[in-house]
Amino acid sequence: MNTLSDNAIMLRVKTGELEKMGLLFERYHRALYGFLFHMTYNREGSEDMVQTVFYKMLKYRNSFTGEGEFMAWMYQIARNVLKDSYKKKSENVSHYDVTDFADRIDGGTAADELFEIKQTRTELHGAMKNLSNDHREVLIMSRLQELKYQEIAQILQITEGAVKVRAHRAMQELKQVYFKRKC
């Protein structure tokens, strides 16, 4: 059953095989958590939002046509959940240390990870907090989630060229912010 495509599984969920949603959860809950955490830096909020995304996928399963990619549809829902959370809270960034949750985001890290790597990761995440939401979002999807520009274009509903421009500008902004913090 794990060989079914995401679209095929979601179409089965749409027809009433709700237990198949578990397969999609297993495939995507970590990636969604990582995306949402890097957007909000709020552990509990990100966990809640992942649950909300899967709830909404079930609730709105009839809106899935199967014509586009499942992942683009799922990330659209995640982005909407994220926007809803921003509306509910006046402050959208918590003050958690990202290294505390690296194992949940990265799928587990070695206990004896080098200090320099941790320090650089912390500094980069600190710099990312200062980026605009649009730039942070495209960097998370392209660099951390390793999505292709074509997939990001579907998710954001913009052209692939626009994604490339955003990613380039985001990297430039990140470099400026990162090196400004280092000095």
N, C-alpha and C. Protein backbone atom coordinates (compact mmCIF):
# COMPACT_ATOMS: atom_id res chain seq x y z
N MET A 1 0.83 -1.19 0.00
CA MET A 1 0.00 0.00 0.00
C MET A 1 0.87 1.26 0.00
N ASN A 2 2.09 1.20 0.55
CA ASN A 2 2.95 2.37 0.59
C ASN A 2 3.45 2.78 -0.79
N THR A 3 3.23 1.97 -1.82
CA THR A 3 3.69 2.31 -3.16
C THR A 3 2.69 3.19 -3.90
N LEU A 4 1.51 3.39 -3.36
CA LEU A 4 0.53 4.26 -4.00
C LEU A 4 1.03 5.71 -3.99
N SER A 5 0.71 6.43 -5.05
CA SER A 5 1.08 7.84 -5.09
C SER A 5 0.24 8.61 -4.08
N ASP A 6 0.73 9.78 -3.73
CA ASP A 6 -0.01 10.63 -2.80
C ASP A 6 -1.38 10.98 -3.37
N ASN A 7 -1.42 11.28 -4.66
CA ASN A 7 -2.70 11.61 -5.29
C ASN A 7 -3.67 10.44 -5.20
N ALA A 8 -3.18 9.23 -5.47
CA ALA A 8 -4.05 8.05 -5.42
C ALA A 8 -4.58 7.82 -4.00
N ILE A 9 -3.73 8.01 -3.01
CA ILE A 9 -4.16 7.83 -1.63
C ILE A 9 -5.22 8.87 -1.27
N MET A 10 -4.96 10.12 -1.65
CA MET A 10 -5.92 11.18 -1.30
C MET A 10 -7.25 10.96 -2.03
N LEU A 11 -7.21 10.44 -3.25
CA LEU A 11 -8.46 10.14 -3.96
C LEU A 11 -9.23 9.03 -3.25
N ARG A 12 -8.51 8.09 -2.67
CA ARG A 12 -9.18 7.05 -1.89
C ARG A 12 -9.80 7.63 -0.62
N VAL A 13 -9.07 8.55 0.03
CA VAL A 13 -9.61 9.23 1.21
C VAL A 13 -10.88 9.97 0.81
N LYS A 14 -10.84 10.60 -0.34
CA LYS A 14 -11.98 11.36 -0.84
C LYS A 14 -13.21 10.48 -1.02
N THR A 15 -13.00 9.22 -1.42
CA THR A 15 -14.12 8.31 -1.64
C THR A 15 -14.58 7.63 -0.37
N GLY A 16 -13.97 7.97 0.76
CA GLY A 16 -14.45 7.44 2.02
C GLY A 16 -13.50 6.53 2.76
N GLU A 17 -12.36 6.20 2.20
CA GLU A 17 -11.39 5.35 2.89
C GLU A 17 -10.52 6.24 3.79
N LEU A 18 -11.13 6.74 4.85
CA LEU A 18 -10.49 7.72 5.71
C LEU A 18 -9.23 7.19 6.40
N GLU A 19 -9.16 5.90 6.62
CA GLU A 19 -7.98 5.32 7.28
C GLU A 19 -6.72 5.50 6.44
N LYS A 20 -6.86 5.74 5.16
CA LYS A 20 -5.69 5.95 4.28
C LYS A 20 -4.97 7.27 4.60
N MET A 21 -5.65 8.16 5.30
CA MET A 21 -5.03 9.43 5.68
C MET A 21 -3.81 9.18 6.56
N GLY A 22 -3.80 8.07 7.28
CA GLY A 22 -2.65 7.72 8.11
C GLY A 22 -1.36 7.58 7.30
N LEU A 23 -1.47 7.06 6.08
CA LEU A 23 -0.29 6.94 5.21
C LEU A 23 0.27 8.32 4.86
N LEU A 24 -0.63 9.24 4.55
CA LEU A 24 -0.19 10.59 4.22
C LEU A 24 0.39 11.29 5.44
N PHE A 25 -0.20 11.03 6.59
CA PHE A 25 0.33 11.60 7.83
C PHE A 25 1.76 11.12 8.05
N GLU A 26 1.98 9.82 7.89
CA GLU A 26 3.32 9.26 8.09
C GLU A 26 4.32 9.86 7.11
N ARG A 27 3.90 10.12 5.89
CA ARG A 27 4.80 10.66 4.88
C ARG A 27 5.13 12.13 5.11
N TYR A 28 4.19 12.89 5.64
CA TYR A 28 4.35 14.35 5.61
C TYR A 28 4.33 15.07 6.94
N HIS A 29 4.03 14.42 8.06
CA HIS A 29 3.91 15.19 9.29
C HIS A 29 5.21 15.86 9.72
N ARG A 30 6.34 15.20 9.53
CA ARG A 30 7.62 15.82 9.90
C ARG A 30 7.94 17.02 9.01
N ALA A 31 7.71 16.87 7.72
CA ALA A 31 7.98 17.98 6.79
C ALA A 31 7.09 19.17 7.11
N LEU A 32 5.82 18.91 7.37
CA LEU A 32 4.90 20.00 7.73
C LEU A 32 5.32 20.65 9.03
N TYR A 33 5.69 19.84 10.01
CA TYR A 33 6.14 20.40 11.29
C TYR A 33 7.36 21.29 11.08
N GLY A 34 8.31 20.81 10.31
CA GLY A 34 9.51 21.60 10.04
C GLY A 34 9.18 22.92 9.36
N PHE A 35 8.32 22.87 8.37
CA PHE A 35 7.91 24.09 7.67
C PHE A 35 7.24 25.06 8.62
N LEU A 36 6.25 24.58 9.36
CA LEU A 36 5.49 25.45 10.26
C LEU A 36 6.36 25.97 11.41
N PHE A 37 7.24 25.12 11.93
CA PHE A 37 8.12 25.56 13.02
C PHE A 37 9.06 26.65 12.54
N HIS A 38 9.64 26.47 11.35
CA HIS A 38 10.55 27.48 10.85
C HIS A 38 9.85 28.77 10.48
N MET A 39 8.57 28.71 10.25
CA MET A 39 7.82 29.93 9.98
C MET A 39 7.42 30.65 11.26
N THR A 40 7.19 29.90 12.34
CA THR A 40 6.67 30.51 13.57
C THR A 40 7.65 30.47 14.74
N TYR A 41 8.55 29.49 14.76
CA TYR A 41 9.45 29.24 15.89
C TYR A 41 8.65 29.02 17.17
N ASN A 42 7.54 28.32 17.02
CA ASN A 42 6.67 28.02 18.15
C ASN A 42 6.38 26.52 18.10
N ARG A 43 6.96 25.77 19.04
CA ARG A 43 6.86 24.31 19.04
C ARG A 43 5.42 23.83 19.18
N GLU A 44 4.75 24.27 20.22
CA GLU A 44 3.40 23.79 20.46
C GLU A 44 2.45 24.24 19.36
N GLY A 45 2.60 25.48 18.96
CA GLY A 45 1.76 26.00 17.89
C GLY A 45 1.94 25.23 16.59
N SER A 46 3.18 24.86 16.29
CA SER A 46 3.46 24.12 15.06
C SER A 46 2.85 22.72 15.13
N GLU A 47 2.94 22.08 16.29
CA GLU A 47 2.32 20.76 16.46
C GLU A 47 0.81 20.86 16.26
N ASP A 48 0.21 21.89 16.86
CA ASP A 48 -1.24 22.09 16.70
C ASP A 48 -1.60 22.35 15.25
N MET A 49 -0.79 23.15 14.57
CA MET A 49 -1.08 23.46 13.17
C MET A 49 -0.97 22.24 12.27
N VAL A 50 -0.02 21.35 12.55
CA VAL A 50 0.08 20.11 11.77
C VAL A 50 -1.22 19.32 11.90
N GLN A 51 -1.71 19.21 13.13
CA GLN A 51 -2.97 18.50 13.35
C GLN A 51 -4.12 19.19 12.60
N THR A 52 -4.12 20.51 12.64
CA THR A 52 -5.16 21.28 11.96
C THR A 52 -5.10 21.06 10.45
N VAL A 53 -3.90 21.01 9.90
CA VAL A 53 -3.75 20.77 8.46
C VAL A 53 -4.37 19.43 8.08
N PHE A 54 -4.07 18.39 8.84
CA PHE A 54 -4.62 17.08 8.50
C PHE A 54 -6.13 17.03 8.74
N TYR A 55 -6.60 17.71 9.74
CA TYR A 55 -8.04 17.81 9.97
C TYR A 55 -8.72 18.48 8.78
N LYS A 56 -8.13 19.59 8.32
CA LYS A 56 -8.72 20.32 7.19
C LYS A 56 -8.63 19.51 5.89
N MET A 57 -7.57 18.72 5.76
CA MET A 57 -7.49 17.86 4.57
C MET A 57 -8.65 16.87 4.56
N LEU A 58 -8.98 16.34 5.73
CA LEU A 58 -10.13 15.44 5.82
C LEU A 58 -11.44 16.21 5.58
N LYS A 59 -11.56 17.34 6.21
CA LYS A 59 -12.78 18.12 6.11
C LYS A 59 -13.05 18.57 4.67
N TYR A 60 -11.99 18.98 3.98
CA TYR A 60 -12.15 19.51 2.62
C TYR A 60 -11.66 18.52 1.56
N ARG A 61 -11.71 17.25 1.87
CA ARG A 61 -11.21 16.23 0.94
C ARG A 61 -11.92 16.26 -0.40
N ASN A 62 -13.15 16.71 -0.43
CA ASN A 62 -13.88 16.76 -1.69
C ASN A 62 -13.36 17.85 -2.62
N SER A 63 -12.56 18.78 -2.10
CA SER A 63 -11.99 19.81 -2.96
C SER A 63 -10.74 19.32 -3.68
N PHE A 64 -10.22 18.16 -3.29
CA PHE A 64 -9.05 17.60 -3.97
C PHE A 64 -9.51 16.93 -5.25
N THR A 65 -8.99 17.41 -6.37
CA THR A 65 -9.42 16.87 -7.66
C THR A 65 -8.49 15.79 -8.19
N GLY A 66 -7.25 15.80 -7.75
CA GLY A 66 -6.28 14.83 -8.25
C GLY A 66 -5.58 15.31 -9.50
N GLU A 67 -5.98 16.46 -10.02
CA GLU A 67 -5.35 16.98 -11.23
C GLU A 67 -3.98 17.57 -10.95
N GLY A 68 -3.83 18.26 -9.83
CA GLY A 68 -2.54 18.81 -9.44
C GLY A 68 -1.84 17.87 -8.49
N GLU A 69 -0.71 18.31 -8.01
CA GLU A 69 0.04 17.49 -7.06
C GLU A 69 -0.57 17.59 -5.67
N PHE A 70 -0.64 16.47 -4.98
CA PHE A 70 -1.14 16.43 -3.61
C PHE A 70 -0.36 17.38 -2.72
N MET A 71 0.97 17.36 -2.85
CA MET A 71 1.81 18.15 -1.97
C MET A 71 1.50 19.64 -2.10
N ALA A 72 1.23 20.12 -3.31
CA ALA A 72 0.89 21.53 -3.49
C ALA A 72 -0.42 21.85 -2.78
N TRP A 73 -1.39 20.96 -2.89
CA TRP A 73 -2.69 21.13 -2.23
C TRP A 73 -2.51 21.16 -0.71
N MET A 74 -1.69 20.24 -0.20
CA MET A 74 -1.45 20.14 1.24
C MET A 74 -0.75 21.41 1.76
N TYR A 75 0.27 21.88 1.04
CA TYR A 75 0.97 23.08 1.49
C TYR A 75 0.10 24.32 1.39
N GLN A 76 -0.83 24.35 0.44
CA GLN A 76 -1.78 25.47 0.39
C GLN A 76 -2.62 25.49 1.67
N ILE A 77 -3.06 24.34 2.09
CA ILE A 77 -3.83 24.25 3.33
C ILE A 77 -2.95 24.68 4.51
N ALA A 78 -1.70 24.22 4.53
CA ALA A 78 -0.79 24.59 5.62
C ALA A 78 -0.56 26.09 5.64
N ARG A 79 -0.39 26.70 4.49
CA ARG A 79 -0.19 28.15 4.43
C ARG A 79 -1.42 28.89 4.94
N ASN A 80 -2.61 28.38 4.61
CA ASN A 80 -3.84 29.00 5.09
C ASN A 80 -3.97 28.87 6.61
N VAL A 81 -3.61 27.71 7.14
CA VAL A 81 -3.63 27.51 8.59
C VAL A 81 -2.64 28.47 9.25
N LEU A 82 -1.49 28.63 8.65
CA LEU A 82 -0.48 29.55 9.17
C LEU A 82 -1.01 30.98 9.16
N LYS A 83 -1.63 31.39 8.08
CA LYS A 83 -2.20 32.74 8.00
C LYS A 83 -3.27 32.93 9.07
N ASP A 84 -4.10 31.91 9.27
CA ASP A 84 -5.13 31.99 10.31
C ASP A 84 -4.49 32.16 11.69
N SER A 85 -3.38 31.46 11.93
CA SER A 85 -2.73 31.58 13.24
C SER A 85 -2.13 32.97 13.42
N TYR A 86 -1.63 33.57 12.35
CA TYR A 86 -1.09 34.93 12.43
C TYR A 86 -2.20 35.91 12.77
N LYS A 87 -3.37 35.68 12.22
CA LYS A 87 -4.49 36.57 12.50
C LYS A 87 -4.91 36.48 13.96
N LYS A 88 -4.83 35.28 14.53
CA LYS A 88 -5.26 35.06 15.91
C LYS A 88 -4.28 35.61 16.93
N LYS A 89 -3.01 35.71 16.55
CA LYS A 89 -1.99 36.14 17.50
C LYS A 89 -1.37 37.45 17.05
N SER A 90 -1.15 38.32 17.97
CA SER A 90 -0.53 39.59 17.61
C SER A 90 0.96 39.42 17.38
N GLU A 91 1.58 38.47 18.06
CA GLU A 91 3.00 38.21 17.88
C GLU A 91 3.14 36.81 17.29
N ASN A 92 3.78 36.71 16.10
CA ASN A 92 3.85 35.42 15.41
C ASN A 92 5.17 34.69 15.58
N VAL A 93 6.08 35.21 16.38
CA VAL A 93 7.35 34.53 16.58
C VAL A 93 7.60 34.37 18.07
N SER A 94 7.85 33.13 18.50
CA SER A 94 8.18 32.86 19.89
C SER A 94 9.69 32.91 20.06
N HIS A 95 10.13 32.78 21.28
CA HIS A 95 11.55 32.87 21.56
C HIS A 95 12.14 31.53 21.95
N TYR A 96 11.76 30.48 21.23
CA TYR A 96 12.34 29.17 21.46
C TYR A 96 13.69 29.10 20.78
N ASP A 97 14.57 28.33 21.34
CA ASP A 97 15.85 28.07 20.72
C ASP A 97 15.66 26.91 19.76
N VAL A 98 15.90 27.14 18.48
CA VAL A 98 15.64 26.13 17.45
C VAL A 98 16.45 24.86 17.68
N THR A 99 17.61 24.95 18.33
CA THR A 99 18.41 23.75 18.56
C THR A 99 17.73 22.78 19.51
N ASP A 100 16.81 23.28 20.34
CA ASP A 100 16.09 22.40 21.25
C ASP A 100 15.19 21.43 20.50
N PHE A 101 14.80 21.79 19.30
CA PHE A 101 13.84 20.99 18.55
C PHE A 101 14.42 20.44 17.26
N ALA A 102 15.73 20.49 17.10
CA ALA A 102 16.37 20.05 15.86
C ALA A 102 16.06 18.59 15.56
N ASP A 103 15.96 17.76 16.59
CA ASP A 103 15.68 16.35 16.34
C ASP A 103 14.30 16.15 15.74
N ARG A 104 13.32 16.96 16.10
CA ARG A 104 11.97 16.84 15.53
C ARG A 104 11.94 17.36 14.10
N ILE A 105 12.75 18.38 13.84
CA ILE A 105 12.75 19.00 12.52
C ILE A 105 13.56 18.16 11.54
N ASP A 106 14.74 17.74 11.95
CA ASP A 106 15.65 17.04 11.06
C ASP A 106 15.48 15.53 11.08
N GLY A 107 14.61 15.01 11.92
CA GLY A 107 14.42 13.58 11.98
C GLY A 107 15.43 12.90 12.88
N GLY A 108 16.05 13.63 13.76
CA GLY A 108 16.99 13.04 14.71
C GLY A 108 18.42 13.45 14.41
N THR A 109 19.16 13.82 15.43
CA THR A 109 20.56 14.20 15.26
C THR A 109 21.39 13.43 16.25
N ALA A 110 22.66 13.29 15.96
CA ALA A 110 23.57 12.60 16.85
C ALA A 110 23.81 13.45 18.09
N ALA A 111 23.92 12.78 19.23
CA ALA A 111 24.09 13.49 20.50
C ALA A 111 25.42 14.24 20.55
N ASP A 112 26.40 13.75 19.84
CA ASP A 112 27.73 14.37 19.89
C ASP A 112 28.00 15.29 18.70
N GLU A 113 26.93 15.95 18.23
CA GLU A 113 27.08 16.87 17.10
C GLU A 113 28.09 17.96 17.44
N LEU A 114 28.88 18.34 16.49
CA LEU A 114 29.93 19.33 16.74
C LEU A 114 29.34 20.68 17.15
N PHE A 115 30.01 21.33 18.07
CA PHE A 115 29.55 22.62 18.59
C PHE A 115 29.46 23.67 17.48
N GLU A 116 30.43 23.67 16.58
CA GLU A 116 30.44 24.67 15.52
C GLU A 116 29.22 24.55 14.61
N ILE A 117 28.81 23.34 14.33
CA ILE A 117 27.64 23.13 13.48
C ILE A 117 26.39 23.63 14.19
N LYS A 118 26.27 23.34 15.48
CA LYS A 118 25.12 23.82 16.25
C LYS A 118 25.10 25.34 16.29
N GLN A 119 26.28 25.92 16.51
CA GLN A 119 26.36 27.37 16.60
C GLN A 119 25.97 28.02 15.27
N THR A 120 26.46 27.49 14.18
CA THR A 120 26.13 28.04 12.85
C THR A 120 24.65 27.89 12.57
N ARG A 121 24.09 26.74 12.90
CA ARG A 121 22.66 26.51 12.70
C ARG A 121 21.84 27.51 13.50
N THR A 122 22.23 27.73 14.74
CA THR A 122 21.52 28.67 15.60
C THR A 122 21.60 30.08 15.02
N GLU A 123 22.79 30.46 14.56
CA GLU A 123 22.97 31.78 13.97
C GLU A 123 22.15 31.95 12.69
N LEU A 124 22.12 30.91 11.87
CA LEU A 124 21.32 30.98 10.63
C LEU A 124 19.84 31.09 10.93
N HIS A 125 19.37 30.31 11.88
CA HIS A 125 17.95 30.38 12.24
C HIS A 125 17.62 31.74 12.86
N GLY A 126 18.55 32.28 13.62
CA GLY A 126 18.34 33.61 14.17
C GLY A 126 18.24 34.65 13.07
N ALA A 127 19.08 34.50 12.06
CA ALA A 127 19.03 35.42 10.92
C ALA A 127 17.73 35.24 10.14
N MET A 128 17.28 34.00 10.01
CA MET A 128 16.03 33.74 9.27
C MET A 128 14.83 34.36 9.96
N LYS A 129 14.87 34.48 11.27
CA LYS A 129 13.76 35.10 11.99
C LYS A 129 13.55 36.54 11.54
N ASN A 130 14.62 37.17 11.07
CA ASN A 130 14.55 38.57 10.67
C ASN A 130 14.14 38.77 9.21
N LEU A 131 13.95 37.69 8.48
CA LEU A 131 13.52 37.80 7.08
C LEU A 131 12.02 38.04 7.02
N SER A 132 11.58 38.58 5.90
CA SER A 132 10.14 38.72 5.69
C SER A 132 9.53 37.32 5.59
N ASN A 133 8.25 37.20 5.86
CA ASN A 133 7.59 35.90 5.79
C ASN A 133 7.71 35.28 4.40
N ASP A 134 7.57 36.08 3.34
CA ASP A 134 7.69 35.56 1.98
C ASP A 134 9.07 34.98 1.71
N HIS A 135 10.10 35.69 2.15
CA HIS A 135 11.47 35.20 1.92
C HIS A 135 11.76 33.98 2.78
N ARG A 136 11.34 34.02 4.04
CA ARG A 136 11.57 32.87 4.92
C ARG A 136 10.84 31.64 4.38
N GLU A 137 9.61 31.84 3.91
CA GLU A 137 8.81 30.74 3.40
C GLU A 137 9.49 30.06 2.20
N VAL A 138 9.97 30.84 1.25
CA VAL A 138 10.59 30.25 0.06
C VAL A 138 11.91 29.58 0.42
N LEU A 139 12.66 30.12 1.38
CA LEU A 139 13.90 29.45 1.80
C LEU A 139 13.62 28.15 2.53
N ILE A 140 12.62 28.15 3.36
CA ILE A 140 12.27 26.92 4.07
C ILE A 140 11.87 25.83 3.08
N MET A 141 11.03 26.20 2.12
CA MET A 141 10.59 25.20 1.15
C MET A 141 11.72 24.72 0.25
N SER A 142 12.56 25.65 -0.21
CA SER A 142 13.61 25.27 -1.16
C SER A 142 14.83 24.66 -0.50
N ARG A 143 15.27 25.22 0.60
CA ARG A 143 16.52 24.76 1.21
C ARG A 143 16.30 23.72 2.29
N LEU A 144 15.34 23.92 3.17
CA LEU A 144 15.13 22.98 4.27
C LEU A 144 14.23 21.82 3.88
N GLN A 145 13.15 22.12 3.15
CA GLN A 145 12.23 21.07 2.72
C GLN A 145 12.70 20.41 1.42
N GLU A 146 13.66 21.03 0.75
CA GLU A 146 14.24 20.54 -0.50
C GLU A 146 13.20 20.31 -1.60
N LEU A 147 12.21 21.21 -1.65
CA LEU A 147 11.22 21.15 -2.71
C LEU A 147 11.81 21.77 -3.96
N LYS A 148 11.39 21.29 -5.12
CA LYS A 148 11.83 21.85 -6.39
C LYS A 148 11.09 23.15 -6.63
N TYR A 149 11.71 24.02 -7.42
CA TYR A 149 11.09 25.32 -7.72
C TYR A 149 9.71 25.14 -8.37
N GLN A 150 9.59 24.13 -9.19
CA GLN A 150 8.29 23.86 -9.84
C GLN A 150 7.23 23.53 -8.79
N GLU A 151 7.59 22.75 -7.78
CA GLU A 151 6.65 22.41 -6.71
C GLU A 151 6.29 23.64 -5.88
N ILE A 152 7.29 24.46 -5.61
CA ILE A 152 7.05 25.68 -4.83
C ILE A 152 6.13 26.61 -5.62
N ALA A 153 6.33 26.69 -6.92
CA ALA A 153 5.49 27.53 -7.77
C ALA A 153 4.03 27.09 -7.69
N GLN A 154 3.80 25.78 -7.67
CA GLN A 154 2.43 25.27 -7.53
C GLN A 154 1.85 25.64 -6.17
N ILE A 155 2.65 25.49 -5.15
CA ILE A 155 2.18 25.78 -3.79
C ILE A 155 1.84 27.26 -3.63
N LEU A 156 2.74 28.12 -4.11
CA LEU A 156 2.56 29.56 -3.94
C LEU A 156 1.67 30.17 -5.02
N GLN A 157 1.36 29.37 -6.03
CA GLN A 157 0.53 29.81 -7.15
C GLN A 157 1.15 31.00 -7.87
N ILE A 158 2.46 30.87 -8.14
CA ILE A 158 3.20 31.85 -8.92
C ILE A 158 4.03 31.09 -9.95
N THR A 159 4.69 31.81 -10.83
CA THR A 159 5.50 31.13 -11.85
C THR A 159 6.80 30.61 -11.24
N GLU A 160 7.38 29.65 -11.93
CA GLU A 160 8.65 29.10 -11.48
C GLU A 160 9.73 30.18 -11.49
N GLY A 161 9.68 31.06 -12.48
CA GLY A 161 10.63 32.17 -12.55
C GLY A 161 10.51 33.09 -11.35
N ALA A 162 9.28 33.35 -10.92
CA ALA A 162 9.06 34.20 -9.75
C ALA A 162 9.62 33.54 -8.49
N VAL A 163 9.51 32.22 -8.41
CA VAL A 163 10.07 31.49 -7.27
C VAL A 163 11.59 31.64 -7.25
N LYS A 164 12.21 31.51 -8.42
CA LYS A 164 13.67 31.64 -8.51
C LYS A 164 14.12 33.03 -8.08
N VAL A 165 13.38 34.05 -8.52
CA VAL A 165 13.71 35.42 -8.13
C VAL A 165 13.56 35.60 -6.63
N ARG A 166 12.45 35.10 -6.07
CA ARG A 166 12.24 35.20 -4.62
C ARG A 166 13.33 34.49 -3.84
N ALA A 167 13.68 33.29 -4.31
CA ALA A 167 14.72 32.52 -3.62
C ALA A 167 16.06 33.26 -3.67
N HIS A 168 16.38 33.82 -4.82
CA HIS A 168 17.63 34.57 -4.94
C HIS A 168 17.63 35.78 -4.01
N ARG A 169 16.56 36.53 -4.03
CA ARG A 169 16.46 37.71 -3.16
C ARG A 169 16.48 37.32 -1.69
N ALA A 170 15.83 36.21 -1.37
CA ALA A 170 15.82 35.74 0.01
C ALA A 170 17.22 35.36 0.46
N MET A 171 17.97 34.69 -0.40
CA MET A 171 19.35 34.33 -0.05
C MET A 171 20.21 35.57 0.13
N GLN A 172 20.01 36.57 -0.71
CA GLN A 172 20.77 37.81 -0.57
C GLN A 172 20.44 38.50 0.75
N GLU A 173 19.15 38.54 1.08
CA GLU A 173 18.73 39.15 2.35
C GLU A 173 19.27 38.36 3.53
N LEU A 174 19.24 37.03 3.44
CA LEU A 174 19.75 36.19 4.52
C LEU A 174 21.24 36.42 4.72
N LYS A 175 21.99 36.51 3.64
CA LYS A 175 23.43 36.78 3.75
C LYS A 175 23.68 38.10 4.46
N GLN A 176 22.93 39.14 4.07
CA GLN A 176 23.10 40.44 4.70
C GLN A 176 22.79 40.38 6.18
N VAL A 177 21.68 39.76 6.52
CA VAL A 177 21.27 39.68 7.93
C VAL A 177 22.26 38.84 8.72
N TYR A 178 22.68 37.70 8.15
CA TYR A 178 23.59 36.80 8.85
C TYR A 178 24.92 37.49 9.14
N PHE A 179 25.51 38.12 8.12
CA PHE A 179 26.82 38.74 8.32
C PHE A 179 26.72 40.01 9.16
N LYS A 180 25.59 40.66 9.15
CA LYS A 180 25.38 41.83 10.00
C LYS A 180 25.37 41.39 11.46
N ARG A 181 24.74 40.23 11.74
CA ARG A 181 24.69 39.70 13.10
C ARG A 181 26.06 39.23 13.56
N LYS A 182 26.88 38.72 12.64
CA LYS A 182 28.22 38.21 12.99
C LYS A 182 29.18 39.33 13.36
N CYS A 183 28.94 40.52 12.81
CA CYS A 183 29.88 41.65 13.05
C CYS A 183 29.59 42.35 14.33
